Amino acid sequence: MTTSATFRRITVSPEARELLPGVEVLTMEAQVRAGADALAPAVEAAWTEAHARWNAASRSEVRAAPRIAAYRELSRLIGAHPDKQPPSVQALVDRGLRGKPLGSWPRINPAVDAVNAVAVRSLVALGVFDRDRLTGDVHLRLTDGTEEFTALGASAPAVVEAGRAVLADEERVLSLFAHRDGVHQAVTADTRRVLLLACSVPGVDQDTCRDALVESARLLAGAAG
């Protein structure tokens, strides 16, 4: 792990800390220096490596993997059924790898694809936000029942129920924590500066999360994975 990287733990409100004991979100800013052509070989290599591990795995084997099991417990803590709303890493393995032909993994845009590739290789829950579209710092807190959120793929904003764990900046709700991201901070082909996020839970330690953040930043900069 590089010693020059700067990591931060986002602020967690007391109410969110009570709901989610032992949960931390680590962040790291990174530059998107590599273009699609430069990113593609390393991203494909990471997905191919993960495909060899998970393609023939059973449903129960995926869910029993220690890090996936740890994130499934997080899903339960936030009130979600981990089979109906699986954690992001499990969803990536199921959608793109288990029982799927080589090359079936989801493709969104080069930067997001790179972070997803690190997620399936490390089994660390990762996120990526466009840093220049954020206002101030990101926090983990609970909603008050009046705030609106526009999810990726949604046609309009919706009011979030009170007591929901969310990631938010100084102006808006950005993400339904561990479930769904919003449109405002979405990474696009024009994004050049990102905030990488990694979720540490009991069973997925902070050093493991830091390593995944560094690997993601290296890919986005065009270094070999």
Protein backbone atom coordinates (compact mmCIF):
# COMPACT_ATOMS: atom_id res chain seq x y z
CA MET A 1 0.00 0.00 0.00
CA THR A 2 1.34 3.39 -0.97
CA THR A 3 2.28 5.79 1.81
CA SER A 4 1.63 8.95 -0.24
CA ALA A 5 -2.12 8.45 -0.57
CA THR A 6 -4.35 10.60 1.63
CA PHE A 7 -7.31 8.78 3.17
CA ARG A 8 -10.19 10.22 5.16
CA ARG A 9 -12.97 8.66 7.18
CA ILE A 10 -16.22 10.47 6.60
CA THR A 11 -18.14 11.85 9.55
CA VAL A 12 -20.81 9.50 10.89
CA SER A 13 -23.66 11.04 12.87
CA PRO A 14 -24.35 9.63 16.34
CA GLU A 15 -27.71 8.25 15.16
CA ALA A 16 -26.11 6.50 12.19
CA ARG A 17 -23.34 5.17 14.43
CA GLU A 18 -25.95 3.62 16.71
CA LEU A 19 -27.73 1.99 13.76
CA LEU A 20 -24.53 0.83 12.06
CA PRO A 21 -21.96 -0.11 14.73
CA GLY A 22 -18.48 -0.73 13.39
CA VAL A 23 -19.22 0.77 9.96
CA GLU A 24 -16.78 3.30 8.48
CA VAL A 25 -16.55 4.85 5.03
CA LEU A 26 -13.04 5.66 3.84
CA THR A 27 -12.46 8.09 1.00
CA MET A 28 -9.63 9.07 -1.29
CA GLU A 29 -9.55 11.68 -4.04
CA ALA A 30 -8.15 10.59 -7.40
CA GLN A 31 -7.64 11.91 -10.89
CA VAL A 32 -9.07 10.24 -14.00
CA ARG A 33 -6.03 10.54 -16.27
CA ALA A 34 -6.51 7.43 -18.37
CA GLY A 35 -8.78 7.41 -21.39
CA ALA A 36 -11.04 4.54 -22.35
CA ASP A 37 -8.40 2.87 -24.52
CA ALA A 38 -5.82 2.97 -21.75
CA LEU A 39 -8.22 1.69 -19.08
CA ALA A 40 -9.76 -1.15 -21.05
CA PRO A 41 -6.95 -3.76 -20.88
CA ALA A 42 -6.50 -3.52 -17.09
CA VAL A 43 -10.24 -3.47 -16.48
CA GLU A 44 -10.81 -6.50 -18.69
CA ALA A 45 -7.95 -8.33 -16.97
CA ALA A 46 -9.46 -7.71 -13.53
CA TRP A 47 -12.91 -8.89 -14.59
CA THR A 48 -11.41 -11.94 -16.31
CA GLU A 49 -9.53 -12.87 -13.15
CA ALA A 50 -12.72 -12.56 -11.11
CA HIS A 51 -14.67 -14.55 -13.73
CA ALA A 52 -12.28 -17.48 -13.31
CA ARG A 53 -12.98 -17.42 -9.57
CA TRP A 54 -16.76 -17.04 -9.59
CA ASN A 55 -18.15 -18.34 -12.88
CA ALA A 56 -18.69 -21.89 -11.62
CA ALA A 57 -19.54 -20.92 -8.03
CA SER A 58 -22.90 -21.84 -6.55
CA ARG A 59 -25.32 -19.25 -5.23
CA SER A 60 -24.60 -20.34 -1.67
CA GLU A 61 -20.83 -20.21 -2.22
CA VAL A 62 -21.04 -16.57 -3.30
CA ARG A 63 -23.15 -15.62 -0.31
CA ALA A 64 -20.85 -17.47 2.09
CA ALA A 65 -17.67 -15.70 0.93
CA PRO A 66 -16.50 -13.91 4.10
CA ARG A 67 -16.52 -10.35 2.74
CA ILE A 68 -19.82 -10.80 0.92
CA ALA A 69 -21.31 -12.30 4.08
CA ALA A 70 -20.11 -9.24 6.01
CA TYR A 71 -21.86 -6.88 3.60
CA ARG A 72 -25.01 -9.02 3.71
CA GLU A 73 -25.06 -8.37 7.45
CA LEU A 74 -24.82 -4.64 6.70
CA SER A 75 -27.88 -5.00 4.44
CA ARG A 76 -29.78 -6.47 7.37
CA LEU A 77 -28.72 -3.60 9.63
CA ILE A 78 -30.20 -1.03 7.24
CA GLY A 79 -33.43 -3.02 7.00
CA ALA A 80 -32.94 -4.62 3.59
CA HIS A 81 -33.31 -8.30 2.77
CA PRO A 82 -29.88 -9.29 1.37
CA ASP A 83 -31.42 -11.64 -1.21
CA LYS A 84 -33.98 -9.13 -2.46
CA GLN A 85 -31.58 -6.16 -2.24
CA PRO A 86 -28.13 -7.75 -2.29
CA PRO A 87 -25.03 -5.76 -1.39
CA SER A 88 -23.27 -4.16 -4.34
CA VAL A 89 -20.37 -6.61 -4.49
CA GLN A 90 -22.68 -9.63 -4.46
CA ALA A 91 -24.82 -8.02 -7.17
CA LEU A 92 -21.78 -7.49 -9.40
CA VAL A 93 -20.69 -11.12 -8.98
CA ASP A 94 -24.19 -12.43 -9.68
CA ARG A 95 -24.90 -10.12 -12.62
CA GLY A 96 -21.59 -10.33 -14.40
CA LEU A 97 -19.73 -13.46 -13.32
CA ARG A 98 -21.59 -16.38 -11.75
CA GLY A 99 -22.85 -18.64 -14.52
CA LYS A 100 -22.27 -15.93 -17.13
CA PRO A 101 -20.16 -16.15 -20.30
CA LEU A 102 -16.79 -14.41 -20.26
CA GLY A 103 -17.28 -10.73 -21.02
CA SER A 104 -20.84 -10.45 -19.67
CA TRP A 105 -19.96 -8.00 -16.90
CA PRO A 106 -21.80 -4.65 -16.82
CA ARG A 107 -20.26 -1.72 -18.65
CA ILE A 108 -21.23 1.80 -17.63
CA ASN A 109 -18.31 4.10 -18.49
CA PRO A 110 -14.54 3.59 -18.25
CA ALA A 111 -14.05 5.14 -14.79
CA VAL A 112 -16.99 3.35 -13.15
CA ASP A 113 -16.02 0.11 -14.88
CA ALA A 114 -12.51 0.38 -13.42
CA VAL A 115 -13.81 0.82 -9.87
CA ASN A 116 -16.26 -2.06 -10.32
CA ALA A 117 -13.41 -4.25 -11.56
CA VAL A 118 -11.47 -3.58 -8.35
CA ALA A 119 -14.62 -4.31 -6.33
CA VAL A 120 -15.13 -7.77 -7.81
CA ARG A 121 -11.45 -8.62 -7.54
CA SER A 122 -11.15 -7.46 -3.91
CA LEU A 123 -14.76 -8.03 -2.77
CA VAL A 124 -14.69 -4.59 -1.14
CA ALA A 125 -17.79 -2.41 -1.54
CA LEU A 126 -16.60 0.64 -3.49
CA GLY A 127 -18.22 3.80 -4.76
CA VAL A 128 -17.12 6.64 -6.98
CA PHE A 129 -18.50 10.19 -7.08
CA ASP A 130 -17.67 13.12 -9.36
CA ARG A 131 -15.76 15.28 -6.87
CA ASP A 132 -16.47 18.52 -8.71
CA ARG A 133 -20.23 17.99 -8.36
CA LEU A 134 -20.11 17.68 -4.56
CA THR A 135 -20.65 20.55 -2.13
CA GLY A 136 -18.40 20.31 0.89
CA ASP A 137 -17.73 17.05 2.69
CA VAL A 138 -19.68 13.81 2.52
CA HIS A 139 -21.34 12.50 5.69
CA LEU A 140 -23.13 9.31 6.73
CA ARG A 141 -26.32 10.24 8.56
CA LEU A 142 -30.01 9.46 8.88
CA THR A 143 -32.75 11.32 7.02
CA ASP A 144 -35.41 13.46 8.71
CA GLY A 145 -38.32 12.49 6.44
CA THR A 146 -38.41 15.71 4.39
CA GLU A 147 -35.43 15.28 2.06
CA GLU A 148 -35.70 14.42 -1.63
CA PHE A 149 -33.45 12.03 -3.53
CA THR A 150 -33.20 11.36 -7.25
CA ALA A 151 -31.84 7.88 -7.84
CA LEU A 152 -29.94 6.79 -10.92
CA GLY A 153 -32.51 5.67 -13.46
CA ALA A 154 -35.39 7.50 -11.76
CA SER A 155 -37.49 10.00 -13.69
CA ALA A 156 -38.15 12.28 -10.71
CA PRO A 157 -37.05 12.86 -7.13
CA ALA A 158 -38.75 11.08 -4.25
CA VAL A 159 -38.97 11.94 -0.56
CA VAL A 160 -36.85 9.61 1.57
CA GLU A 161 -38.51 8.19 4.65
CA ALA A 162 -37.23 9.29 8.04
CA GLY A 163 -34.44 7.29 9.63
CA ARG A 164 -32.88 6.05 6.39
CA ALA A 165 -29.07 5.82 6.34
CA VAL A 166 -27.72 8.01 3.54
CA LEU A 167 -24.55 9.56 2.25
CA ALA A 168 -25.06 13.31 1.86
CA ASP A 169 -23.01 16.41 1.19
CA GLU A 170 -23.80 19.89 2.51
CA GLU A 171 -26.73 20.33 0.10
CA ARG A 172 -28.41 17.03 -0.73
CA VAL A 173 -28.77 13.30 -0.27
CA LEU A 174 -26.32 11.59 -2.60
CA SER A 175 -26.90 7.91 -1.95
CA LEU A 176 -29.20 5.54 -0.10
CA PHE A 177 -26.37 3.99 1.87
CA ALA A 178 -25.26 0.55 0.67
CA HIS A 179 -28.18 0.43 -1.77
CA ARG A 180 -28.51 3.05 -4.53
CA ASP A 181 -26.64 6.12 -5.78
CA GLY A 182 -28.14 9.35 -6.99
CA VAL A 183 -27.86 11.20 -10.27
CA HIS A 184 -26.28 14.39 -8.98
CA GLN A 185 -22.74 13.12 -8.35
CA ALA A 186 -22.73 10.47 -11.09
CA VAL A 187 -19.43 9.98 -12.91
CA THR A 188 -19.55 10.65 -16.65
CA ALA A 189 -17.12 10.53 -19.55
CA ASP A 190 -16.24 14.14 -18.77
CA THR A 191 -15.33 13.52 -15.10
CA ARG A 192 -11.70 14.19 -14.32
CA ARG A 193 -11.65 14.29 -10.51
CA VAL A 194 -13.37 11.67 -8.37
CA LEU A 195 -13.99 10.82 -4.75
CA LEU A 196 -13.47 7.10 -4.22
CA LEU A 197 -15.30 5.47 -1.31
CA ALA A 198 -14.79 2.13 0.42
CA CYS A 199 -17.05 0.66 3.09
CA SER A 200 -15.42 -1.00 6.08
CA VAL A 201 -17.65 -3.25 8.18
CA PRO A 202 -16.95 -5.93 10.78
CA GLY A 203 -15.24 -8.57 8.64
CA VAL A 204 -13.79 -6.12 6.08
CA ASP A 205 -11.04 -4.13 7.77
CA GLN A 206 -9.87 -0.62 6.97
CA ASP A 207 -6.47 -1.69 5.62
CA THR A 208 -8.24 -3.88 3.05
CA CYS A 209 -10.41 -0.93 2.09
CA ARG A 210 -7.38 1.36 1.74
CA ASP A 211 -5.69 -1.14 -0.56
CA ALA A 212 -8.80 -1.26 -2.77
CA LEU A 213 -8.90 2.55 -2.92
CA VAL A 214 -5.24 2.70 -3.96
CA GLU A 215 -5.77 0.05 -6.63
CA SER A 216 -8.76 1.97 -8.00
CA ALA A 217 -6.76 5.22 -8.13
CA ARG A 218 -3.90 3.46 -9.92
CA LEU A 219 -6.26 2.13 -12.58
CA LEU A 220 -7.86 5.55 -13.10
CA ALA A 221 -4.40 7.05 -13.51
CA GLY A 222 -3.54 4.50 -16.19
CA ALA A 223 -1.19 2.31 -14.14
CA ALA A 224 -1.35 -1.46 -14.41
CA GLY A 225 -3.72 -3.08 -11.96
